[in-house]
Amino acid sequence: MKSERDTLALLRQLYRDAGGDPHAIVRVTPLYGNWYNALKFEVARADDAKTWIWRKDLESGNTAAIVSALNDFSAPAR
């Protein structure tokens, strides 16, 4: 499993490659477990929009699934 720092760096790189501002991704939070055994992770942008990625996609290097999730950020909370 990648460290939190490595995961954030990967997500920022993939988001940049997809045309987004890499610095907009500000937080990754484990869900349904701790950092090393969570089922999925919540990814938040600076504008409070959120998306979710599965641990299995991170572990297997499924960049297509991760980029798809990054392209589907929810509308910011109002």
PDB file of N, CA and C in Angstrom:
ATOM      1  N   MET A   1       0.840  -1.182   0.000  1.00  0.00           N
ATOM      2  CA  MET A   1       0.000   0.000   0.000  1.00  0.00           C
ATOM      3  C   MET A   1       0.880   1.237   0.000  1.00  0.00           C
ATOM      4  N   LYS A   2       0.490   2.214  -0.797  1.00  0.00           N
ATOM      5  CA  LYS A   2       1.218   3.475  -0.863  1.00  0.00           C
ATOM      6  C   LYS A   2       0.976   4.273   0.415  1.00  0.00           C
ATOM      7  N   SER A   3       1.971   5.083   0.770  1.00  0.00           N
ATOM      8  CA  SER A   3       1.795   5.961   1.920  1.00  0.00           C
ATOM      9  C   SER A   3       0.820   7.076   1.559  1.00  0.00           C
ATOM     10  N   GLU A   4       0.369   7.780   2.557  1.00  0.00           N
ATOM     11  CA  GLU A   4      -0.552   8.896   2.319  1.00  0.00           C
ATOM     12  C   GLU A   4       0.112   9.943   1.416  1.00  0.00           C
ATOM     13  N   ARG A   5       1.347  10.235   1.676  1.00  0.00           N
ATOM     14  CA  ARG A   5       2.089  11.223   0.874  1.00  0.00           C
ATOM     15  C   ARG A   5       2.215  10.768  -0.582  1.00  0.00           C
ATOM     16  N   ASP A   6       2.574   9.490  -0.784  1.00  0.00           N
ATOM     17  CA  ASP A   6       2.708   8.955  -2.138  1.00  0.00           C
ATOM     18  C   ASP A   6       1.372   8.948  -2.877  1.00  0.00           C
ATOM     19  N   THR A   7       0.302   8.632  -2.158  1.00  0.00           N
ATOM     20  CA  THR A   7      -1.022   8.603  -2.767  1.00  0.00           C
ATOM     21  C   THR A   7      -1.441   9.998  -3.202  1.00  0.00           C
ATOM     22  N   LEU A   8      -1.228  10.977  -2.349  1.00  0.00           N
ATOM     23  CA  LEU A   8      -1.573  12.347  -2.694  1.00  0.00           C
ATOM     24  C   LEU A   8      -0.767  12.814  -3.902  1.00  0.00           C
ATOM     25  N   ALA A   9       0.508  12.485  -3.946  1.00  0.00           N
ATOM     26  CA  ALA A   9       1.352  12.858  -5.091  1.00  0.00           C
ATOM     27  C   ALA A   9       0.848  12.196  -6.374  1.00  0.00           C
ATOM     28  N   LEU A  10       0.485  10.915  -6.302  1.00  0.00           N
ATOM     29  CA  LEU A  10      -0.036  10.208  -7.472  1.00  0.00           C
ATOM     30  C   LEU A  10      -1.331  10.840  -7.959  1.00  0.00           C
ATOM     31  N   LEU A  11      -2.248  11.123  -7.039  1.00  0.00           N
ATOM     32  CA  LEU A  11      -3.531  11.707  -7.418  1.00  0.00           C
ATOM     33  C   LEU A  11      -3.349  13.080  -8.051  1.00  0.00           C
ATOM     34  N   ARG A  12      -2.447  13.881  -7.490  1.00  0.00           N
ATOM     35  CA  ARG A  12      -2.183  15.195  -8.069  1.00  0.00           C
ATOM     36  C   ARG A  12      -1.596  15.070  -9.470  1.00  0.00           C
ATOM     37  N   GLN A  13      -0.697  14.123  -9.661  1.00  0.00           N
ATOM     38  CA  GLN A  13      -0.099  13.912 -10.984  1.00  0.00           C
ATOM     39  C   GLN A  13      -1.164  13.486 -11.998  1.00  0.00           C
ATOM     40  N   LEU A  14      -1.994  12.524 -11.624  1.00  0.00           N
ATOM     41  CA  LEU A  14      -3.035  12.053 -12.529  1.00  0.00           C
ATOM     42  C   LEU A  14      -4.055  13.150 -12.829  1.00  0.00           C
ATOM     43  N   TYR A  15      -4.379  13.954 -11.822  1.00  0.00           N
ATOM     44  CA  TYR A  15      -5.331  15.051 -12.017  1.00  0.00           C
ATOM     45  C   TYR A  15      -4.737  16.097 -12.968  1.00  0.00           C
ATOM     46  N   ARG A  16      -3.463  16.389 -12.799  1.00  0.00           N
ATOM     47  CA  ARG A  16      -2.782  17.324 -13.706  1.00  0.00           C
ATOM     48  C   ARG A  16      -2.782  16.779 -15.129  1.00  0.00           C
ATOM     49  N   ASP A  17      -2.463  15.496 -15.276  1.00  0.00           N
ATOM     50  CA  ASP A  17      -2.437  14.870 -16.601  1.00  0.00           C
ATOM     51  C   ASP A  17      -3.814  14.897 -17.266  1.00  0.00           C
ATOM     52  N   ALA A  18      -4.874  14.915 -16.443  1.00  0.00           N
ATOM     53  CA  ALA A  18      -6.240  14.956 -16.969  1.00  0.00           C
ATOM     54  C   ALA A  18      -6.714  16.391 -17.209  1.00  0.00           C
ATOM     55  N   GLY A  19      -5.838  17.371 -16.960  1.00  0.00           N
ATOM     56  CA  GLY A  19      -6.173  18.762 -17.230  1.00  0.00           C
ATOM     57  C   GLY A  19      -6.589  19.588 -16.030  1.00  0.00           C
ATOM     58  N   GLY A  20      -6.514  19.009 -14.832  1.00  0.00           N
ATOM     59  CA  GLY A  20      -6.895  19.742 -13.624  1.00  0.00           C
ATOM     60  C   GLY A  20      -5.704  20.395 -12.958  1.00  0.00           C
ATOM     61  N   ASP A  21      -5.980  21.254 -12.001  1.00  0.00           N
ATOM     62  CA  ASP A  21      -4.934  21.902 -11.208  1.00  0.00           C
ATOM     63  C   ASP A  21      -4.518  20.940 -10.100  1.00  0.00           C
ATOM     64  N   PRO A  22      -3.288  20.435 -10.132  1.00  0.00           N
ATOM     65  CA  PRO A  22      -2.886  19.441  -9.129  1.00  0.00           C
ATOM     66  C   PRO A  22      -2.933  19.952  -7.697  1.00  0.00           C
ATOM     67  N   HIS A  23      -2.780  21.259  -7.519  1.00  0.00           N
ATOM     68  CA  HIS A  23      -2.806  21.817  -6.165  1.00  0.00           C
ATOM     69  C   HIS A  23      -4.228  21.955  -5.628  1.00  0.00           C
ATOM     70  N   ALA A  24      -5.219  21.714  -6.491  1.00  0.00           N
ATOM     71  CA  ALA A  24      -6.614  21.762  -6.044  1.00  0.00           C
ATOM     72  C   ALA A  24      -6.949  20.569  -5.156  1.00  0.00           C
ATOM     73  N   ILE A  25      -6.225  19.460  -5.326  1.00  0.00           N
ATOM     74  CA  ILE A  25      -6.462  18.289  -4.473  1.00  0.00           C
ATOM     75  C   ILE A  25      -5.737  18.524  -3.155  1.00  0.00           C
ATOM     76  N   VAL A  26      -6.524  18.636  -2.088  1.00  0.00           N
ATOM     77  CA  VAL A  26      -5.948  19.033  -0.803  1.00  0.00           C
ATOM     78  C   VAL A  26      -5.971  17.952   0.275  1.00  0.00           C
ATOM     79  N   ARG A  27      -6.788  16.903   0.072  1.00  0.00           N
ATOM     80  CA  ARG A  27      -6.909  15.934   1.163  1.00  0.00           C
ATOM     81  C   ARG A  27      -7.363  14.583   0.629  1.00  0.00           C
ATOM     82  N   VAL A  28      -6.811  13.527   1.234  1.00  0.00           N
ATOM     83  CA  VAL A  28      -7.253  12.156   0.990  1.00  0.00           C
ATOM     84  C   VAL A  28      -7.542  11.550   2.356  1.00  0.00           C
ATOM     85  N   THR A  29      -8.767  11.035   2.525  1.00  0.00           N
ATOM     86  CA  THR A  29      -9.195  10.505   3.817  1.00  0.00           C
ATOM     87  C   THR A  29      -9.627   9.051   3.659  1.00  0.00           C
ATOM     88  N   PRO A  30      -9.073   8.138   4.478  1.00  0.00           N
ATOM     89  CA  PRO A  30      -9.505   6.740   4.397  1.00  0.00           C
ATOM     90  C   PRO A  30     -10.929   6.568   4.926  1.00  0.00           C
ATOM     91  N   LEU A  31     -11.687   5.686   4.276  1.00  0.00           N
ATOM     92  CA  LEU A  31     -13.047   5.372   4.707  1.00  0.00           C
ATOM     93  C   LEU A  31     -13.160   3.884   4.968  1.00  0.00           C
ATOM     94  N   TYR A  32     -13.919   3.527   5.972  1.00  0.00           N
ATOM     95  CA  TYR A  32     -14.157   2.123   6.331  1.00  0.00           C
ATOM     96  C   TYR A  32     -12.854   1.415   6.679  1.00  0.00           C
ATOM     97  N   GLY A  33     -12.065   2.030   7.534  1.00  0.00           N
ATOM     98  CA  GLY A  33     -10.794   1.481   7.981  1.00  0.00           C
ATOM     99  C   GLY A  33      -9.788   2.598   8.148  1.00  0.00           C
ATOM    100  N   ASN A  34      -8.560   2.219   8.493  1.00  0.00           N
ATOM    101  CA  ASN A  34      -7.521   3.229   8.630  1.00  0.00           C
ATOM    102  C   ASN A  34      -6.740   3.331   7.321  1.00  0.00           C
ATOM    103  N   TRP A  35      -5.667   4.082   7.322  1.00  0.00           N
ATOM    104  CA  TRP A  35      -4.944   4.345   6.089  1.00  0.00           C
ATOM    105  C   TRP A  35      -4.524   3.064   5.370  1.00  0.00           C
ATOM    106  N   TYR A  36      -4.118   2.048   6.098  1.00  0.00           N
ATOM    107  CA  TYR A  36      -3.560   0.853   5.461  1.00  0.00           C
ATOM    108  C   TYR A  36      -4.568  -0.258   5.172  1.00  0.00           C
ATOM    109  N   ASN A  37      -5.813  -0.111   5.625  1.00  0.00           N
ATOM    110  CA  ASN A  37      -6.788  -1.155   5.308  1.00  0.00           C
ATOM    111  C   ASN A  37      -8.159  -0.606   4.907  1.00  0.00           C
ATOM    112  N   ALA A  38      -8.246   0.665   4.584  1.00  0.00           N
ATOM    113  CA  ALA A  38      -9.517   1.264   4.180  1.00  0.00           C
ATOM    114  C   ALA A  38     -10.022   0.620   2.892  1.00  0.00           C
ATOM    115  N   LEU A  39     -11.331   0.543   2.766  1.00  0.00           N
ATOM    116  CA  LEU A  39     -11.914   0.009   1.535  1.00  0.00           C
ATOM    117  C   LEU A  39     -11.843   1.024   0.403  1.00  0.00           C
ATOM    118  N   LYS A  40     -12.010   2.292   0.767  1.00  0.00           N
ATOM    119  CA  LYS A  40     -11.909   3.346  -0.240  1.00  0.00           C
ATOM    120  C   LYS A  40     -11.454   4.629   0.437  1.00  0.00           C
ATOM    121  N   PHE A  41     -11.191   5.633  -0.391  1.00  0.00           N
ATOM    122  CA  PHE A  41     -10.663   6.904   0.092  1.00  0.00           C
ATOM    123  C   PHE A  41     -11.481   8.049  -0.485  1.00  0.00           C
ATOM    124  N   GLU A  42     -11.741   9.042   0.355  1.00  0.00           N
ATOM    125  CA  GLU A  42     -12.389  10.258  -0.108  1.00  0.00           C
ATOM    126  C   GLU A  42     -11.295  11.239  -0.520  1.00  0.00           C
ATOM    127  N   VAL A  43     -11.438  11.804  -1.701  1.00  0.00           N
ATOM    128  CA  VAL A  43     -10.484  12.785  -2.220  1.00  0.00           C
ATOM    129  C   VAL A  43     -11.205  14.121  -2.279  1.00  0.00           C
ATOM    130  N   ALA A  44     -10.620  15.153  -1.664  1.00  0.00           N
ATOM    131  CA  ALA A  44     -11.266  16.459  -1.609  1.00  0.00           C
ATOM    132  C   ALA A  44     -10.424  17.503  -2.323  1.00  0.00           C
ATOM    133  N   ARG A  45     -11.132  18.366  -3.043  1.00  0.00           N
ATOM    134  CA  ARG A  45     -10.489  19.529  -3.668  1.00  0.00           C
ATOM    135  C   ARG A  45     -10.628  20.725  -2.744  1.00  0.00           C
ATOM    136  N   ALA A  46      -9.875  21.774  -3.045  1.00  0.00           N
ATOM    137  CA  ALA A  46      -9.896  22.994  -2.240  1.00  0.00           C
ATOM    138  C   ALA A  46     -11.284  23.633  -2.201  1.00  0.00           C
ATOM    139  N   ASP A  47     -12.094  23.444  -3.243  1.00  0.00           N
ATOM    140  CA  ASP A  47     -13.446  24.015  -3.274  1.00  0.00           C
ATOM    141  C   ASP A  47     -14.473  23.121  -2.579  1.00  0.00           C
ATOM    142  N   ASP A  48     -14.002  22.094  -1.879  1.00  0.00           N
ATOM    143  CA  ASP A  48     -14.814  21.147  -1.101  1.00  0.00           C
ATOM    144  C   ASP A  48     -15.576  20.147  -1.960  1.00  0.00           C
ATOM    145  N   ALA A  49     -15.292  20.084  -3.264  1.00  0.00           N
ATOM    146  CA  ALA A  49     -15.856  19.013  -4.084  1.00  0.00           C
ATOM    147  C   ALA A  49     -15.161  17.719  -3.693  1.00  0.00           C
ATOM    148  N   LYS A  50     -15.881  16.598  -3.795  1.00  0.00           N
ATOM    149  CA  LYS A  50     -15.326  15.318  -3.345  1.00  0.00           C
ATOM    150  C   LYS A  50     -15.545  14.228  -4.388  1.00  0.00           C
ATOM    151  N   THR A  51     -14.662  13.250  -4.363  1.00  0.00           N
ATOM    152  CA  THR A  51     -14.821  12.033  -5.137  1.00  0.00           C
ATOM    153  C   THR A  51     -14.244  10.897  -4.299  1.00  0.00           C
ATOM    154  N   TRP A  52     -14.421   9.681  -4.768  1.00  0.00           N
ATOM    155  CA  TRP A  52     -13.974   8.530  -4.002  1.00  0.00           C
ATOM    156  C   TRP A  52     -13.223   7.572  -4.907  1.00  0.00           C
ATOM    157  N   ILE A  53     -12.155   6.990  -4.364  1.00  0.00           N
ATOM    158  CA  ILE A  53     -11.384   5.993  -5.109  1.00  0.00           C
ATOM    159  C   ILE A  53     -11.272   4.733  -4.251  1.00  0.00           C
ATOM    160  N   TRP A  54     -11.254   3.595  -4.906  1.00  0.00           N
ATOM    161  CA  TRP A  54     -11.164   2.308  -4.219  1.00  0.00           C
ATOM    162  C   TRP A  54      -9.714   1.942  -3.945  1.00  0.00           C
ATOM    163  N   ARG A  55      -9.479   1.346  -2.788  1.00  0.00           N
ATOM    164  CA  ARG A  55      -8.136   0.890  -2.435  1.00  0.00           C
ATOM    165  C   ARG A  55      -7.618  -0.105  -3.460  1.00  0.00           C
ATOM    166  N   LYS A  56      -8.479  -0.992  -3.950  1.00  0.00           N
ATOM    167  CA  LYS A  56      -8.036  -1.993  -4.919  1.00  0.00           C
ATOM    168  C   LYS A  56      -7.502  -1.336  -6.187  1.00  0.00           C
ATOM    169  N   ASP A  57      -8.055  -0.185  -6.574  1.00  0.00           N
ATOM    170  CA  ASP A  57      -7.548   0.519  -7.753  1.00  0.00           C
ATOM    171  C   ASP A  57      -6.180   1.133  -7.479  1.00  0.00           C
ATOM    172  N   LEU A  58      -5.981   1.647  -6.269  1.00  0.00           N
ATOM    173  CA  LEU A  58      -4.666   2.169  -5.905  1.00  0.00           C
ATOM    174  C   LEU A  58      -3.622   1.060  -5.875  1.00  0.00           C
ATOM    175  N   GLU A  59      -3.974  -0.046  -5.238  1.00  0.00           N
ATOM    176  CA  GLU A  59      -3.023  -1.141  -5.090  1.00  0.00           C
ATOM    177  C   GLU A  59      -2.655  -1.793  -6.413  1.00  0.00           C
ATOM    178  N   SER A  60      -3.618  -1.867  -7.325  1.00  0.00           N
ATOM    179  CA  SER A  60      -3.355  -2.531  -8.602  1.00  0.00           C
ATOM    180  C   SER A  60      -2.812  -1.576  -9.664  1.00  0.00           C
ATOM    181  N   GLY A  61      -2.780  -0.291  -9.333  1.00  0.00           N
ATOM    182  CA  GLY A  61      -2.290   0.681 -10.300  1.00  0.00           C
ATOM    183  C   GLY A  61      -3.277   0.932 -11.435  1.00  0.00           C
ATOM    184  N   ASN A  62      -4.558   0.789 -11.159  1.00  0.00           N
ATOM    185  CA  ASN A  62      -5.605   0.986 -12.160  1.00  0.00           C
ATOM    186  C   ASN A  62      -5.819   2.486 -12.370  1.00  0.00           C
ATOM    187  N   THR A  63      -4.930   3.096 -13.143  1.00  0.00           N
ATOM    188  CA  THR A  63      -4.999   4.541 -13.329  1.00  0.00           C
ATOM    189  C   THR A  63      -6.252   4.974 -14.079  1.00  0.00           C
ATOM    190  N   ALA A  64      -6.781   4.137 -14.966  1.00  0.00           N
ATOM    191  CA  ALA A  64      -8.001   4.494 -15.687  1.00  0.00           C
ATOM    192  C   ALA A  64      -9.167   4.695 -14.714  1.00  0.00           C
ATOM    193  N   ALA A  65      -9.308   3.816 -13.740  1.00  0.00           N
ATOM    194  CA  ALA A  65     -10.382   3.937 -12.748  1.00  0.00           C
ATOM    195  C   ALA A  65     -10.166   5.158 -11.856  1.00  0.00           C
ATOM    196  N   ILE A  66      -8.918   5.424 -11.508  1.00  0.00           N
ATOM    197  CA  ILE A  66      -8.618   6.576 -10.654  1.00  0.00           C
ATOM    198  C   ILE A  66      -8.906   7.875 -11.400  1.00  0.00           C
ATOM    199  N   VAL A  67      -8.462   7.974 -12.651  1.00  0.00           N
ATOM    200  CA  VAL A  67      -8.717   9.176 -13.451  1.00  0.00           C
ATOM    201  C   VAL A  67     -10.212   9.368 -13.655  1.00  0.00           C
ATOM    202  N   SER A  68     -10.940   8.293 -13.875  1.00  0.00           N
ATOM    203  CA  SER A  68     -12.388   8.389 -14.017  1.00  0.00           C
ATOM    204  C   SER A  68     -13.005   8.987 -12.754  1.00  0.00           C
ATOM    205  N   ALA A  69     -12.571   8.537 -11.601  1.00  0.00           N
ATOM    206  CA  ALA A  69     -13.077   9.088 -10.341  1.00  0.00           C
ATOM    207  C   ALA A  69     -12.706  10.568 -10.206  1.00  0.00           C
ATOM    208  N   LEU A  70     -11.478  10.919 -10.569  1.00  0.00           N
ATOM    209  CA  LEU A  70     -11.046  12.309 -10.466  1.00  0.00           C
ATOM    210  C   LEU A  70     -11.819  13.214 -11.419  1.00  0.00           C
ATOM    211  N   ASN A  71     -12.289  12.672 -12.509  1.00  0.00           N
ATOM    212  CA  ASN A  71     -13.089  13.455 -13.447  1.00  0.00           C
ATOM    213  C   ASN A  71     -14.536  13.596 -12.981  1.00  0.00           C
ATOM    214  N   ASP A  72     -14.918  12.879 -11.932  1.00  0.00           N
ATOM    215  CA  ASP A  72     -16.294  12.888 -11.444  1.00  0.00           C
ATOM    216  C   ASP A  72     -16.436  13.533 -10.065  1.00  0.00           C
ATOM    217  N   PHE A  73     -15.662  14.584  -9.793  1.00  0.00           N
ATOM    218  CA  PHE A  73     -15.819  15.255  -8.511  1.00  0.00           C
ATOM    219  C   PHE A  73     -17.260  15.720  -8.370  1.00  0.00           C
ATOM    220  N   SER A  74     -17.824  15.542  -7.168  1.00  0.00           N
ATOM    221  CA  SER A  74     -19.181  16.002  -6.892  1.00  0.00           C
ATOM    222  C   SER A  74     -19.207  17.521  -6.837  1.00  0.00           C
ATOM    223  N   ALA A  75     -20.378  18.078  -6.927  1.00  0.00           N
ATOM    224  CA  ALA A  75     -20.517  19.524  -6.808  1.00  0.00           C
ATOM    225  C   ALA A  75     -20.100  19.936  -5.401  1.00  0.00           C
ATOM    226  N   PRO A  76     -19.461  21.087  -5.267  1.00  0.00           N
ATOM    227  CA  PRO A  76     -19.065  21.545  -3.939  1.00  0.00           C
ATOM    228  C   PRO A  76     -20.275  21.711  -3.020  1.00  0.00           C
ATOM    229  N   ALA A  77     -20.059  21.448  -1.750  1.00  0.00           N
ATOM    230  CA  ALA A  77     -21.123  21.638  -0.758  1.00  0.00           C
ATOM    231  C   ALA A  77     -21.435  23.123  -0.652  1.00  0.00           C
ATOM    232  N   ARG A  78     -22.686  23.440  -0.494  1.00  0.00           N
ATOM    233  CA  ARG A  78     -23.097  24.868  -0.396  1.00  0.00           C
ATOM    234  C   ARG A  78     -23.800  25.121   0.899  1.00  0.00           C
TER     235      ARG A  78
END
